[in-house]
PDB file of N, CA and C in Angstrom:
ATOM      1  N   MET A   1      25.996   1.828   0.024  1.00  0.00           N
ATOM      2  CA  MET A   1      24.825   2.222   0.152  1.00  0.00           C
ATOM      3  C   MET A   1      24.188   2.595  -0.549  1.00  0.00           C
ATOM      4  N   GLN A   2      22.959   2.019   0.031  1.00  0.00           N
ATOM      5  CA  GLN A   2      21.946   2.262  -1.358  1.00  0.00           C
ATOM      6  C   GLN A   2      20.921   3.161  -0.715  1.00  0.00           C
ATOM      7  N   LEU A   3      20.054   3.788  -1.253  1.00  0.00           N
ATOM      8  CA  LEU A   3      18.819   4.971  -1.007  1.00  0.00           C
ATOM      9  C   LEU A   3      17.463   4.497  -1.755  1.00  0.00           C
ATOM     10  N   PHE A   4      16.859   4.142  -1.022  1.00  0.00           N
ATOM     11  CA  PHE A   4      15.214   3.899  -1.981  1.00  0.00           C
ATOM     12  C   PHE A   4      14.504   5.218  -1.394  1.00  0.00           C
ATOM     13  N   ARG A   5      13.377   5.497  -2.466  1.00  0.00           N
ATOM     14  CA  ARG A   5      12.575   6.219  -2.254  1.00  0.00           C
ATOM     15  C   ARG A   5      11.043   5.980  -2.243  1.00  0.00           C
ATOM     16  N   PHE A   6      10.149   6.180  -1.239  1.00  0.00           N
ATOM     17  CA  PHE A   6       9.068   6.442  -0.886  1.00  0.00           C
ATOM     18  C   PHE A   6       7.798   7.321  -1.488  1.00  0.00           C
ATOM     19  N   GLU A   7       8.482   8.011  -2.194  1.00  0.00           N
ATOM     20  CA  GLU A   7       7.410   9.255  -2.480  1.00  0.00           C
ATOM     21  C   GLU A   7       5.822   8.664  -3.512  1.00  0.00           C
ATOM     22  N   LYS A   8       5.078   9.376  -3.049  1.00  0.00           N
ATOM     23  CA  LYS A   8       3.684   9.374  -3.490  1.00  0.00           C
ATOM     24  C   LYS A   8       4.054   8.814  -5.265  1.00  0.00           C
ATOM     25  N   GLU A   9       4.817   9.627  -6.268  1.00  0.00           N
ATOM     26  CA  GLU A   9       5.028   9.311  -7.490  1.00  0.00           C
ATOM     27  C   GLU A   9       5.959   8.552  -7.697  1.00  0.00           C
ATOM     28  N   THR A  10       6.431   7.381  -6.545  1.00  0.00           N
ATOM     29  CA  THR A  10       6.797   6.405  -6.929  1.00  0.00           C
ATOM     30  C   THR A  10       6.369   4.748  -7.079  1.00  0.00           C
ATOM     31  N   GLY A  11       4.937   5.175  -6.253  1.00  0.00           N
ATOM     32  CA  GLY A  11       3.929   3.880  -6.061  1.00  0.00           C
ATOM     33  C   GLY A  11       3.176   3.705  -6.739  1.00  0.00           C
ATOM     34  N   GLN A  12       1.801   2.694  -6.721  1.00  0.00           N
ATOM     35  CA  GLN A  12       1.324   2.068  -7.540  1.00  0.00           C
ATOM     36  C   GLN A  12      -0.129   2.659  -7.335  1.00  0.00           C
ATOM     37  N   LYS A  13      -0.925   2.434  -7.901  1.00  0.00           N
ATOM     38  CA  LYS A  13      -2.270   3.314  -7.843  1.00  0.00           C
ATOM     39  C   LYS A  13      -3.168   1.636  -7.517  1.00  0.00           C
ATOM     40  N   VAL A  14      -3.858   1.935  -6.180  1.00  0.00           N
ATOM     41  CA  VAL A  14      -4.513   0.597  -6.056  1.00  0.00           C
ATOM     42  C   VAL A  14      -6.038   1.529  -5.655  1.00  0.00           C
ATOM     43  N   THR A  15      -6.901   0.194  -6.491  1.00  0.00           N
ATOM     44  CA  THR A  15      -8.384   0.204  -7.089  1.00  0.00           C
ATOM     45  C   THR A  15      -8.676  -1.067  -6.578  1.00  0.00           C
ATOM     46  N   HIS A  16      -8.553  -1.731  -5.984  1.00  0.00           N
ATOM     47  CA  HIS A  16      -9.237  -2.961  -5.350  1.00  0.00           C
ATOM     48  C   HIS A  16     -10.540  -2.492  -4.118  1.00  0.00           C
ATOM     49  N   PHE A  17     -11.886  -3.263  -4.709  1.00  0.00           N
ATOM     50  CA  PHE A  17     -12.690  -3.418  -3.792  1.00  0.00           C
ATOM     51  C   PHE A  17     -13.086  -1.541  -3.481  1.00  0.00           C
ATOM     52  N   ASN A  18     -13.029  -0.615  -4.660  1.00  0.00           N
ATOM     53  CA  ASN A  18     -13.382   0.673  -4.328  1.00  0.00           C
ATOM     54  C   ASN A  18     -12.695   1.629  -3.772  1.00  0.00           C
ATOM     55  N   SER A  19     -11.328   1.014  -3.412  1.00  0.00           N
ATOM     56  CA  SER A  19     -10.269   1.835  -3.022  1.00  0.00           C
ATOM     57  C   SER A  19      -9.857   2.806  -3.993  1.00  0.00           C
ATOM     58  N   ASN A  20      -8.950   3.799  -3.391  1.00  0.00           N
ATOM     59  CA  ASN A  20      -8.668   4.750  -4.255  1.00  0.00           C
ATOM     60  C   ASN A  20      -7.283   5.426  -3.890  1.00  0.00           C
ATOM     61  N   PHE A  21      -6.297   5.042  -3.933  1.00  0.00           N
ATOM     62  CA  PHE A  21      -4.641   5.484  -2.756  1.00  0.00           C
ATOM     63  C   PHE A  21      -3.502   5.128  -3.633  1.00  0.00           C
ATOM     64  N   MET A  22      -1.999   6.010  -3.341  1.00  0.00           N
ATOM     65  CA  MET A  22      -1.143   5.028  -3.800  1.00  0.00           C
ATOM     66  C   MET A  22      -0.510   4.097  -2.763  1.00  0.00           C
ATOM     67  N   MET A  23       0.120   3.189  -3.462  1.00  0.00           N
ATOM     68  CA  MET A  23       0.782   2.450  -2.413  1.00  0.00           C
ATOM     69  C   MET A  23       2.349   2.865  -3.065  1.00  0.00           C
ATOM     70  N   THR A  24       3.363   2.301  -1.997  1.00  0.00           N
ATOM     71  CA  THR A  24       4.374   2.428  -2.245  1.00  0.00           C
ATOM     72  C   THR A  24       5.349   1.103  -1.986  1.00  0.00           C
ATOM     73  N   LYS A  25       5.523   0.202  -2.191  1.00  0.00           N
ATOM     74  CA  LYS A  25       6.261  -1.123  -1.925  1.00  0.00           C
ATOM     75  C   LYS A  25       7.427  -0.625  -1.243  1.00  0.00           C
ATOM     76  N   ILE A  26       7.859  -1.627   0.008  1.00  0.00           N
ATOM     77  CA  ILE A  26       9.075  -1.399   1.089  1.00  0.00           C
ATOM     78  C   ILE A  26       9.992  -2.761   1.239  1.00  0.00           C
ATOM     79  N   ALA A  27       9.057  -3.704   1.262  1.00  0.00           N
ATOM     80  CA  ALA A  27       9.251  -5.062   1.408  1.00  0.00           C
ATOM     81  C   ALA A  27       8.773  -5.783   0.834  1.00  0.00           C
ATOM     82  N   LYS A  28       8.888  -7.058   0.108  1.00  0.00           N
ATOM     83  CA  LYS A  28       8.336  -8.109  -0.328  1.00  0.00           C
ATOM     84  C   LYS A  28       9.162  -9.375   0.310  1.00  0.00           C
ATOM     85  N   LEU A  29       8.323 -10.206   1.573  1.00  0.00           N
ATOM     86  CA  LEU A  29       9.080 -11.257   2.007  1.00  0.00           C
ATOM     87  C   LEU A  29       8.730 -12.360   1.259  1.00  0.00           C
ATOM     88  N   ASP A  30       9.489 -14.014   1.873  1.00  0.00           N
ATOM     89  CA  ASP A  30       9.132 -14.972   0.938  1.00  0.00           C
ATOM     90  C   ASP A  30       7.799 -15.623   1.490  1.00  0.00           C
ATOM     91  N   SER A  31       7.247 -15.075   1.915  1.00  0.00           N
ATOM     92  CA  SER A  31       5.684 -15.421   2.329  1.00  0.00           C
ATOM     93  C   SER A  31       4.550 -14.469   2.220  1.00  0.00           C
ATOM     94  N   PRO A  32       3.156 -14.591   2.282  1.00  0.00           N
ATOM     95  CA  PRO A  32       2.281 -13.484   1.508  1.00  0.00           C
ATOM     96  C   PRO A  32       2.746 -12.738   2.448  1.00  0.00           C
ATOM     97  N   ALA A  33       3.336 -12.261   3.253  1.00  0.00           N
ATOM     98  CA  ALA A  33       3.440 -10.593   3.918  1.00  0.00           C
ATOM     99  C   ALA A  33       4.051  -9.650   2.712  1.00  0.00           C
ATOM    100  N   GLN A  34       3.584  -8.322   2.508  1.00  0.00           N
ATOM    101  CA  GLN A  34       3.910  -7.190   2.039  1.00  0.00           C
ATOM    102  C   GLN A  34       3.957  -6.193   3.119  1.00  0.00           C
ATOM    103  N   ILE A  35       5.214  -5.294   3.199  1.00  0.00           N
ATOM    104  CA  ILE A  35       4.820  -4.132   3.576  1.00  0.00           C
ATOM    105  C   ILE A  35       5.261  -3.173   3.141  1.00  0.00           C
ATOM    106  N   GLY A  36       4.352  -1.880   2.760  1.00  0.00           N
ATOM    107  CA  GLY A  36       4.472  -1.048   2.220  1.00  0.00           C
ATOM    108  C   GLY A  36       4.083   0.779   2.586  1.00  0.00           C
ATOM    109  N   CYS A  37       4.133   1.176   2.353  1.00  0.00           N
ATOM    110  CA  CYS A  37       3.224   2.724   2.726  1.00  0.00           C
ATOM    111  C   CYS A  37       2.507   3.224   2.099  1.00  0.00           C
ATOM    112  N   MET A  38       1.030   3.618   2.896  1.00  0.00           N
ATOM    113  CA  MET A  38       0.205   4.300   1.980  1.00  0.00           C
ATOM    114  C   MET A  38      -0.197   5.586   1.850  1.00  0.00           C
ATOM    115  N   HIS A  39       0.213   6.255   0.900  1.00  0.00           N
ATOM    116  CA  HIS A  39      -0.377   7.640   0.778  1.00  0.00           C
ATOM    117  C   HIS A  39      -1.702   8.152   0.173  1.00  0.00           C
ATOM    118  N   LEU A  40      -2.284   8.403   1.054  1.00  0.00           N
ATOM    119  CA  LEU A  40      -3.761   8.747   1.500  1.00  0.00           C
ATOM    120  C   LEU A  40      -3.633  10.392   1.665  1.00  0.00           C
ATOM    121  N   GLY A  41      -4.604  11.032   0.167  1.00  0.00           N
ATOM    122  CA  GLY A  41      -4.957  12.421   0.583  1.00  0.00           C
ATOM    123  C   GLY A  41      -6.140  12.691   0.840  1.00  0.00           C
ATOM    124  N   LYS A  42      -6.774  13.739   1.030  1.00  0.00           N
ATOM    125  CA  LYS A  42      -8.182  14.067   1.132  1.00  0.00           C
ATOM    126  C   LYS A  42      -9.576  13.495   0.668  1.00  0.00           C
ATOM    127  N   GLU A  43      -8.908  13.361  -0.711  1.00  0.00           N
ATOM    128  CA  GLU A  43     -10.313  12.786  -1.617  1.00  0.00           C
ATOM    129  C   GLU A  43      -9.569  11.060  -1.712  1.00  0.00           C
ATOM    130  N   ASP A  44      -9.127  10.605  -1.085  1.00  0.00           N
ATOM    131  CA  ASP A  44      -8.663   9.057  -1.604  1.00  0.00           C
ATOM    132  C   ASP A  44      -9.639   8.614  -0.594  1.00  0.00           C
ATOM    133  N   LEU A  45      -9.276   7.086  -0.978  1.00  0.00           N
ATOM    134  CA  LEU A  45     -10.225   6.380  -0.238  1.00  0.00           C
ATOM    135  C   LEU A  45      -9.981   4.790   0.101  1.00  0.00           C
ATOM    136  N   LEU A  46      -9.621   4.284   1.343  1.00  0.00           N
ATOM    137  CA  LEU A  46      -8.996   3.429   1.696  1.00  0.00           C
ATOM    138  C   LEU A  46     -10.823   2.166   1.926  1.00  0.00           C
ATOM    139  N   ALA A  47     -10.791   1.468   1.320  1.00  0.00           N
ATOM    140  CA  ALA A  47     -12.447   0.271   1.870  1.00  0.00           C
ATOM    141  C   ALA A  47     -11.516  -0.622   2.644  1.00  0.00           C
ATOM    142  N   ILE A  48     -12.712  -0.818   3.274  1.00  0.00           N
ATOM    143  CA  ILE A  48     -12.922  -1.871   4.212  1.00  0.00           C
ATOM    144  C   ILE A  48     -13.631  -2.915   3.820  1.00  0.00           C
ATOM    145  N   THR A  49     -12.503  -4.075   3.961  1.00  0.00           N
ATOM    146  CA  THR A  49     -12.938  -5.735   2.934  1.00  0.00           C
ATOM    147  C   THR A  49     -12.497  -6.993   4.591  1.00  0.00           C
ATOM    148  N   LYS A  50     -12.899  -7.827   3.896  1.00  0.00           N
ATOM    149  CA  LYS A  50     -12.815  -8.963   4.835  1.00  0.00           C
ATOM    150  C   LYS A  50     -11.743  -9.903   4.331  1.00  0.00           C
ATOM    151  N   LEU A  51     -10.382  -9.139   5.141  1.00  0.00           N
ATOM    152  CA  LEU A  51      -9.047  -9.647   4.909  1.00  0.00           C
ATOM    153  C   LEU A  51      -9.117 -11.143   4.869  1.00  0.00           C
ATOM    154  N   LEU A  52      -7.829 -11.696   4.007  1.00  0.00           N
ATOM    155  CA  LEU A  52      -7.763 -13.111   3.837  1.00  0.00           C
ATOM    156  C   LEU A  52      -6.443 -13.572   5.225  1.00  0.00           C
ATOM    157  N   TYR A  53      -5.672 -12.222   5.015  1.00  0.00           N
ATOM    158  CA  TYR A  53      -4.680 -12.135   6.080  1.00  0.00           C
ATOM    159  C   TYR A  53      -4.346 -11.632   6.939  1.00  0.00           C
ATOM    160  N   ARG A  54      -3.858 -11.556   8.164  1.00  0.00           N
ATOM    161  CA  ARG A  54      -3.305 -10.639   9.345  1.00  0.00           C
ATOM    162  C   ARG A  54      -3.091  -9.394   8.618  1.00  0.00           C
ATOM    163  N   SER A  55      -3.133  -8.319   9.348  1.00  0.00           N
ATOM    164  CA  SER A  55      -2.901  -7.057   8.870  1.00  0.00           C
ATOM    165  C   SER A  55      -2.847  -6.039  10.184  1.00  0.00           C
ATOM    166  N   PHE A  56      -1.937  -4.862   9.666  1.00  0.00           N
ATOM    167  CA  PHE A  56      -1.337  -4.260  10.640  1.00  0.00           C
ATOM    168  C   PHE A  56      -2.372  -3.117  10.790  1.00  0.00           C
ATOM    169  N   PHE A  57      -2.837  -2.821  11.160  1.00  0.00           N
ATOM    170  CA  PHE A  57      -4.119  -1.302  11.029  1.00  0.00           C
ATOM    171  C   PHE A  57      -4.896  -0.891  12.635  1.00  0.00           C
TER     172      PHE A  57
END
């Protein structure tokens, strides 16, 4: 059995399009899709942009 960690500390900082949050990758597929966990705190920011691909929000 493999154990995986998804804590904020294991993620990467995202700053694209004036965003400011941490993202932990869960899976990367053989397509342009990725599955991840966003860690958003009180002071963090998720910018709204025109998406190039479909997204689950």
